[in-house]
C-alpha atoms as a PDB file:
ATOM      1  CA  UNK A   1      30.134   7.456   1.794  1.00  0.00           C
ATOM      2  CA  UNK A   2      27.895   5.604   0.696  1.00  0.00           C
ATOM      3  CA  UNK A   3      24.287   4.977   3.135  1.00  0.00           C
ATOM      4  CA  UNK A   4      21.813   2.326   2.582  1.00  0.00           C
ATOM      5  CA  UNK A   5      18.241   3.332   3.748  1.00  0.00           C
ATOM      6  CA  UNK A   6      15.286   1.582   3.843  1.00  0.00           C
ATOM      7  CA  UNK A   7      11.632   3.242   4.170  1.00  0.00           C
ATOM      8  CA  UNK A   8       8.605   1.938   5.679  1.00  0.00           C
ATOM      9  CA  UNK A   9       5.680   3.411   3.671  1.00  0.00           C
ATOM     10  CA  UNK A  10       1.948   3.535   2.620  1.00  0.00           C
ATOM     11  CA  UNK A  11       1.055   5.460  -0.664  1.00  0.00           C
ATOM     12  CA  UNK A  12      -1.899   6.982   1.133  1.00  0.00           C
ATOM     13  CA  UNK A  13      -0.109   8.922   4.038  1.00  0.00           C
ATOM     14  CA  UNK A  14       0.944  12.343   3.384  1.00  0.00           C
ATOM     15  CA  UNK A  15       4.071  11.692   6.124  1.00  0.00           C
ATOM     16  CA  UNK A  16       5.402   9.549   4.313  1.00  0.00           C
ATOM     17  CA  UNK A  17       6.064  11.407   1.397  1.00  0.00           C
ATOM     18  CA  UNK A  18       6.259  14.423   3.050  1.00  0.00           C
ATOM     19  CA  UNK A  19       9.569  12.815   4.784  1.00  0.00           C
ATOM     20  CA  UNK A  20      10.453  11.804   1.828  1.00  0.00           C
ATOM     21  CA  UNK A  21      10.588  15.143   0.057  1.00  0.00           C
ATOM     22  CA  UNK A  22      12.432  16.098   3.856  1.00  0.00           C
ATOM     23  CA  UNK A  23      15.066  13.488   2.624  1.00  0.00           C
ATOM     24  CA  UNK A  24      15.510  14.959  -0.232  1.00  0.00           C
ATOM     25  CA  UNK A  25      16.106  18.547   1.253  1.00  0.00           C
ATOM     26  CA  UNK A  26      19.057  16.599   3.465  1.00  0.00           C
ATOM     27  CA  UNK A  27      20.992  16.092   0.889  1.00  0.00           C
ATOM     28  CA  UNK A  28      20.966  19.179  -0.938  1.00  0.00           C
ATOM     29  CA  UNK A  29      21.080  21.050   2.106  1.00  0.00           C
ATOM     30  CA  UNK A  30      24.298  18.777   2.071  1.00  0.00           C
ATOM     31  CA  UNK A  31      25.804  19.672  -1.530  1.00  0.00           C
ATOM     32  CA  UNK A  32      28.392  18.107  -2.536  1.00  0.00           C
ATOM     33  CA  UNK A  33      29.580  16.699   1.101  1.00  0.00           C
ATOM     34  CA  UNK A  34      26.100  14.639   1.054  1.00  0.00           C
ATOM     35  CA  UNK A  35      26.634  10.849   1.355  1.00  0.00           C
ATOM     36  CA  UNK A  36      25.894   8.872  -1.637  1.00  0.00           C
ATOM     37  CA  UNK A  37      22.218   6.573  -0.829  1.00  0.00           C
ATOM     38  CA  UNK A  38      21.005   3.702  -1.845  1.00  0.00           C
ATOM     39  CA  UNK A  39      16.681   4.428  -1.331  1.00  0.00           C
ATOM     40  CA  UNK A  40      14.694   0.498  -0.587  1.00  0.00           C
ATOM     41  CA  UNK A  41      10.887   1.119  -0.380  1.00  0.00           C
ATOM     42  CA  UNK A  42       9.381  -1.724   1.767  1.00  0.00           C
ATOM     43  CA  UNK A  43       5.294  -1.755   2.279  1.00  0.00           C
ATOM     44  CA  UNK A  44       3.350  -0.893   4.729  1.00  0.00           C
ATOM     45  CA  UNK A  45      -0.964  -1.020   4.944  1.00  0.00           C
ATOM     46  CA  UNK A  46      -2.430   1.439   7.372  1.00  0.00           C
ATOM     47  CA  UNK A  47      -5.657   0.046   6.540  1.00  0.00           C
ATOM     48  CA  UNK A  48      -5.338  -4.023   5.641  1.00  0.00           C
ATOM     49  CA  UNK A  49      -9.572  -4.710   5.931  1.00  0.00           C
ATOM     50  CA  UNK A  50     -10.544  -1.223   3.946  1.00  0.00           C
ATOM     51  CA  UNK A  51     -12.928  -2.261   1.048  1.00  0.00           C
ATOM     52  CA  UNK A  52     -12.009  -2.510  -2.772  1.00  0.00           C
ATOM     53  CA  UNK A  53     -14.785   1.252  -3.195  1.00  0.00           C
ATOM     54  CA  UNK A  54     -12.563   2.659  -0.355  1.00  0.00           C
ATOM     55  CA  UNK A  55     -14.230   4.564   2.331  1.00  0.00           C
ATOM     56  CA  UNK A  56     -14.634   8.570   2.766  1.00  0.00           C
ATOM     57  CA  UNK A  57     -12.020   9.942   4.338  1.00  0.00           C
ATOM     58  CA  UNK A  58     -13.131  11.947   6.934  1.00  0.00           C
ATOM     59  CA  UNK A  59     -15.078   9.804   7.674  1.00  0.00           C
ATOM     60  CA  UNK A  60     -12.572   7.207   8.269  1.00  0.00           C
ATOM     61  CA  UNK A  61     -10.695   9.318  10.345  1.00  0.00           C
ATOM     62  CA  UNK A  62     -13.531  10.014  13.021  1.00  0.00           C
ATOM     63  CA  UNK A  63     -13.922   6.214  13.075  1.00  0.00           C
ATOM     64  CA  UNK A  64     -10.427   4.861  13.703  1.00  0.00           C
ATOM     65  CA  UNK A  65      -8.664   8.288  15.330  1.00  0.00           C
ATOM     66  CA  UNK A  66     -11.960  10.577  16.723  1.00  0.00           C
ATOM     67  CA  UNK A  67     -11.331  12.785  14.249  1.00  0.00           C
ATOM     68  CA  UNK A  68     -13.476  16.281  14.240  1.00  0.00           C
ATOM     69  CA  UNK A  69     -13.957  17.714  10.878  1.00  0.00           C
ATOM     70  CA  UNK A  70     -12.489  20.693  12.099  1.00  0.00           C
ATOM     71  CA  UNK A  71      -9.314  19.090  13.132  1.00  0.00           C
ATOM     72  CA  UNK A  72      -9.617  17.288  10.332  1.00  0.00           C
ATOM     73  CA  UNK A  73      -9.792  21.131   8.160  1.00  0.00           C
ATOM     74  CA  UNK A  74      -6.903  21.891  10.601  1.00  0.00           C
ATOM     75  CA  UNK A  75      -4.315  18.934   9.455  1.00  0.00           C
ATOM     76  CA  UNK A  76      -5.195  19.418   5.477  1.00  0.00           C
ATOM     77  CA  UNK A  77      -3.691  23.061   5.860  1.00  0.00           C
ATOM     78  CA  UNK A  78      -0.499  22.001   7.588  1.00  0.00           C
ATOM     79  CA  UNK A  79      -0.305  19.090   5.338  1.00  0.00           C
ATOM     80  CA  UNK A  80      -0.809  22.220   1.900  1.00  0.00           C
ATOM     81  CA  UNK A  81       1.400  24.445   3.531  1.00  0.00           C
ATOM     82  CA  UNK A  82       4.531  21.729   4.728  1.00  0.00           C
ATOM     83  CA  UNK A  83       3.892  20.074   1.101  1.00  0.00           C
ATOM     84  CA  UNK A  84       4.146  23.514  -0.708  1.00  0.00           C
ATOM     85  CA  UNK A  85       7.513  24.413   0.626  1.00  0.00           C
ATOM     86  CA  UNK A  86       8.819  20.990  -0.099  1.00  0.00           C
ATOM     87  CA  UNK A  87       7.420  21.041  -3.883  1.00  0.00           C
ATOM     88  CA  UNK A  88       4.636  18.675  -3.268  1.00  0.00           C
ATOM     89  CA  UNK A  89       1.177  19.607  -4.130  1.00  0.00           C
ATOM     90  CA  UNK A  90      -1.464  17.954  -1.676  1.00  0.00           C
ATOM     91  CA  UNK A  91      -4.624  18.492  -3.267  1.00  0.00           C
ATOM     92  CA  UNK A  92      -6.910  18.335  -0.318  1.00  0.00           C
ATOM     93  CA  UNK A  93     -11.105  18.338  -1.615  1.00  0.00           C
ATOM     94  CA  UNK A  94     -14.529  17.350   0.846  1.00  0.00           C
ATOM     95  CA  UNK A  95     -14.811  14.267  -0.990  1.00  0.00           C
ATOM     96  CA  UNK A  96     -11.485  12.627  -1.316  1.00  0.00           C
ATOM     97  CA  UNK A  97     -11.492   8.745  -0.439  1.00  0.00           C
ATOM     98  CA  UNK A  98      -8.916   6.625   1.645  1.00  0.00           C
ATOM     99  CA  UNK A  99      -8.598   3.334   0.174  1.00  0.00           C
ATOM    100  CA  UNK A 100      -6.945   0.062   0.004  1.00  0.00           C
ATOM    101  CA  UNK A 101      -2.958  -0.150  -1.218  1.00  0.00           C
ATOM    102  CA  UNK A 102      -2.680  -4.328  -1.093  1.00  0.00           C
ATOM    103  CA  UNK A 103      -2.508  -3.945  -4.957  1.00  0.00           C
ATOM    104  CA  UNK A 104      -0.412  -0.287  -4.929  1.00  0.00           C
ATOM    105  CA  UNK A 105       2.368  -2.115  -3.019  1.00  0.00           C
ATOM    106  CA  UNK A 106       2.547  -5.544  -5.136  1.00  0.00           C
ATOM    107  CA  UNK A 107       2.778  -2.988  -8.387  1.00  0.00           C
ATOM    108  CA  UNK A 108       5.591  -1.421  -5.691  1.00  0.00           C
ATOM    109  CA  UNK A 109       7.266  -5.274  -6.105  1.00  0.00           C
ATOM    110  CA  UNK A 110       7.295  -5.685  -9.580  1.00  0.00           C
ATOM    111  CA  UNK A 111       8.343  -2.471 -10.116  1.00  0.00           C
ATOM    112  CA  UNK A 112      11.727  -3.061  -7.387  1.00  0.00           C
ATOM    113  CA  UNK A 113      12.644  -6.095  -9.792  1.00  0.00           C
ATOM    114  CA  UNK A 114      13.424  -3.288 -11.880  1.00  0.00           C
ATOM    115  CA  UNK A 115      15.219  -0.980 -10.028  1.00  0.00           C
ATOM    116  CA  UNK A 116      12.041   1.576 -10.570  1.00  0.00           C
ATOM    117  CA  UNK A 117      11.008   1.765  -6.899  1.00  0.00           C
ATOM    118  CA  UNK A 118      11.214   4.899  -6.785  1.00  0.00           C
ATOM    119  CA  UNK A 119       9.778   6.175  -9.292  1.00  0.00           C
ATOM    120  CA  UNK A 120       6.354   4.387  -9.048  1.00  0.00           C
ATOM    121  CA  UNK A 121       5.856   5.325  -5.819  1.00  0.00           C
ATOM    122  CA  UNK A 122       6.436   8.283  -6.089  1.00  0.00           C
ATOM    123  CA  UNK A 123       3.486   8.770  -9.293  1.00  0.00           C
ATOM    124  CA  UNK A 124       1.830   6.882  -6.844  1.00  0.00           C
ATOM    125  CA  UNK A 125       1.808   9.379  -4.204  1.00  0.00           C
ATOM    126  CA  UNK A 126       0.277  12.006  -7.051  1.00  0.00           C
ATOM    127  CA  UNK A 127      -2.087   9.118  -7.935  1.00  0.00           C
ATOM    128  CA  UNK A 128      -3.339   9.704  -4.814  1.00  0.00           C
ATOM    129  CA  UNK A 129      -3.297  12.965  -2.858  1.00  0.00           C
ATOM    130  CA  UNK A 130      -3.259  15.269  -6.607  1.00  0.00           C
ATOM    131  CA  UNK A 131      -5.828  13.061  -8.045  1.00  0.00           C
ATOM    132  CA  UNK A 132      -7.648  11.090  -5.702  1.00  0.00           C
ATOM    133  CA  UNK A 133      -7.929   8.459  -7.778  1.00  0.00           C
ATOM    134  CA  UNK A 134      -8.724   4.859  -6.287  1.00  0.00           C
ATOM    135  CA  UNK A 135      -5.146   2.756  -5.452  1.00  0.00           C
ATOM    136  CA  UNK A 136      -6.831  -0.917  -5.866  1.00  0.00           C
ATOM    137  CA  UNK A 137      -8.031   0.243  -9.119  1.00  0.00           C
ATOM    138  CA  UNK A 138      -6.500  -2.014 -11.787  1.00  0.00           C
ATOM    139  CA  UNK A 139      -6.410   0.312 -14.304  1.00  0.00           C
ATOM    140  CA  UNK A 140      -5.322   3.190 -12.654  1.00  0.00           C
ATOM    141  CA  UNK A 141      -2.596   1.230 -11.568  1.00  0.00           C
ATOM    142  CA  UNK A 142      -2.367   0.722 -14.959  1.00  0.00           C
ATOM    143  CA  UNK A 143      -1.710   4.236 -15.912  1.00  0.00           C
ATOM    144  CA  UNK A 144       0.102   5.339 -12.484  1.00  0.00           C
ATOM    145  CA  UNK A 145       2.993   2.688 -13.463  1.00  0.00           C
ATOM    146  CA  UNK A 146       2.858   3.829 -16.816  1.00  0.00           C
ATOM    147  CA  UNK A 147       3.991   7.291 -16.222  1.00  0.00           C
ATOM    148  CA  UNK A 148       6.663   5.607 -13.723  1.00  0.00           C
ATOM    149  CA  UNK A 149       8.262   4.567 -17.300  1.00  0.00           C
ATOM    150  CA  UNK A 150       6.879   1.209 -17.012  1.00  0.00           C
ATOM    151  CA  UNK A 151       5.126  -1.205 -18.916  1.00  0.00           C
ATOM    152  CA  UNK A 152       1.353  -0.459 -17.778  1.00  0.00           C
ATOM    153  CA  UNK A 153      -0.349  -3.508 -20.167  1.00  0.00           C
ATOM    154  CA  UNK A 154       2.447  -5.202 -18.096  1.00  0.00           C
ATOM    155  CA  UNK A 155       1.502  -3.997 -14.534  1.00  0.00           C
ATOM    156  CA  UNK A 156      -1.764  -4.967 -14.597  1.00  0.00           C
ATOM    157  CA  UNK A 157      -1.604  -8.391 -15.996  1.00  0.00           C
ATOM    158  CA  UNK A 158       1.233  -8.908 -12.644  1.00  0.00           C
ATOM    159  CA  UNK A 159      -1.900  -7.629 -11.153  1.00  0.00           C
ATOM    160  CA  UNK A 160      -4.459  -9.666 -12.404  1.00  0.00           C
ATOM    161  CA  UNK A 161      -2.071 -12.520 -12.125  1.00  0.00           C
ATOM    162  CA  UNK A 162      -1.454 -11.132  -8.585  1.00  0.00           C
ATOM    163  CA  UNK A 163       2.159 -12.508  -8.889  1.00  0.00           C
ATOM    164  CA  UNK A 164       2.994 -10.537  -5.768  1.00  0.00           C
ATOM    165  CA  UNK A 165       0.688 -11.314  -3.317  1.00  0.00           C
ATOM    166  CA  UNK A 166       2.755 -13.362  -1.289  1.00  0.00           C
ATOM    167  CA  UNK A 167       5.519 -11.527  -1.235  1.00  0.00           C
ATOM    168  CA  UNK A 168       4.368  -8.923  -0.085  1.00  0.00           C
ATOM    169  CA  UNK A 169       2.488  -9.826   2.757  1.00  0.00           C
ATOM    170  CA  UNK A 170       6.108 -12.114   4.068  1.00  0.00           C
ATOM    171  CA  UNK A 171       7.612  -8.417   3.231  1.00  0.00           C
ATOM    172  CA  UNK A 172       4.608  -6.734   5.464  1.00  0.00           C
ATOM    173  CA  UNK A 173       5.494  -9.579   8.371  1.00  0.00           C
ATOM    174  CA  UNK A 174       9.134  -9.462   7.987  1.00  0.00           C
ATOM    175  CA  UNK A 175       8.633  -5.648   9.468  1.00  0.00           C
ATOM    176  CA  UNK A 176       6.257  -5.719  11.927  1.00  0.00           C
ATOM    177  CA  UNK A 177       8.166  -8.814  13.466  1.00  0.00           C
ATOM    178  CA  UNK A 178      11.114  -5.680  13.907  1.00  0.00           C
ATOM    179  CA  UNK A 179       8.893  -3.383  15.275  1.00  0.00           C
ATOM    180  CA  UNK A 180       7.568  -1.432  12.795  1.00  0.00           C
ATOM    181  CA  UNK A 181       3.946  -0.408  13.008  1.00  0.00           C
ATOM    182  CA  UNK A 182       3.346   3.405  12.059  1.00  0.00           C
ATOM    183  CA  UNK A 183       4.503   4.992   8.853  1.00  0.00           C
ATOM    184  CA  UNK A 184       6.605   6.693   7.339  1.00  0.00           C
ATOM    185  CA  UNK A 185       9.906   4.699   9.412  1.00  0.00           C
ATOM    186  CA  UNK A 186      13.885   4.819   7.633  1.00  0.00           C
ATOM    187  CA  UNK A 187      16.168   2.860   8.917  1.00  0.00           C
ATOM    188  CA  UNK A 188      19.931   3.627   8.067  1.00  0.00           C
ATOM    189  CA  UNK A 189      22.549   0.758   7.328  1.00  0.00           C
ATOM    190  CA  UNK A 190      20.603  -1.518   9.627  1.00  0.00           C
ATOM    191  CA  UNK A 191      21.623   0.614  12.387  1.00  0.00           C
ATOM    192  CA  UNK A 192      19.369   3.318  12.791  1.00  0.00           C
ATOM    193  CA  UNK A 193      15.857   4.240  13.092  1.00  0.00           C
ATOM    194  CA  UNK A 194      14.289   7.405  12.107  1.00  0.00           C
ATOM    195  CA  UNK A 195      10.683   7.573  12.723  1.00  0.00           C
ATOM    196  CA  UNK A 196       7.945   9.721  11.197  1.00  0.00           C
ATOM    197  CA  UNK A 197       8.609  13.171   9.248  1.00  0.00           C
ATOM    198  CA  UNK A 198      11.161  14.629  10.969  1.00  0.00           C
ATOM    199  CA  UNK A 199      13.141  18.057   9.897  1.00  0.00           C
ATOM    200  CA  UNK A 200      16.300  17.860   7.116  1.00  0.00           C
ATOM    201  CA  UNK A 201      18.406  18.259  10.566  1.00  0.00           C
ATOM    202  CA  UNK A 202      17.286  14.573  11.690  1.00  0.00           C
ATOM    203  CA  UNK A 203      18.644  13.200   8.760  1.00  0.00           C
ATOM    204  CA  UNK A 204      21.932  15.529   8.622  1.00  0.00           C
ATOM    205  CA  UNK A 205      22.594  13.843  12.189  1.00  0.00           C
ATOM    206  CA  UNK A 206      21.659  10.473  11.424  1.00  0.00           C
ATOM    207  CA  UNK A 207      24.316  10.660   8.127  1.00  0.00           C
ATOM    208  CA  UNK A 208      27.038  11.853  10.473  1.00  0.00           C
ATOM    209  CA  UNK A 209      26.975   8.870  13.109  1.00  0.00           C
ATOM    210  CA  UNK A 210      26.345   6.516   9.901  1.00  0.00           C
ATOM    211  CA  UNK A 211      30.122   8.628   8.845  1.00  0.00           C
ATOM    212  CA  UNK A 212      31.334   8.039  12.248  1.00  0.00           C
ATOM    213  CA  UNK A 213      31.262   4.289  12.571  1.00  0.00           C
ATOM    214  CA  UNK A 214      31.709   3.179   9.608  1.00  0.00           C
ATOM    215  CA  UNK A 215      35.406   5.027  10.032  1.00  0.00           C
ATOM    216  CA  UNK A 216      35.588   3.904  13.381  1.00  0.00           C
END
């Protein structure tokens, strides 16, 4: 059985990498019974108006969600524990900033044409959550592309020329029009929507439903 999985994601969203790791865990748990999956990533900007220099993360969370320092610390501890269990090491610190991700999504659109979106997506998560680097910086993005096995110099040219700018905006509007207003969102075979970073059992159950529908 083959299943297409569309993932709507932003690379500064910790729950997006957690959700992807839980999807991977579900496939691992199924072993030989796991479906063959084709993953496609789609853009979503949590903060489309974020300035190029970014903003202090705790300040941002306080302004946007009313999150206190104590609440922020608790969420970071929880995410660090969850990430460790799933094999992803979050490296939060008190000076961490959040950045504009529009250029990162343009780079992902370019990588998609080369079949390298997942490799770049994972490298971008690492750039932000492990290296705390500015995802709006073209040099940083070029280095990230190179780590993902892509041509870093070409990546920088793509961003300088804004070749994929309009395509990303169009793609974002399409998913908003479909009712996706939060990330991560997983859509299986254009039929089953899984919101948030659900546990592996939720994915396994959804795989079963897709399989039964395909047989019916």
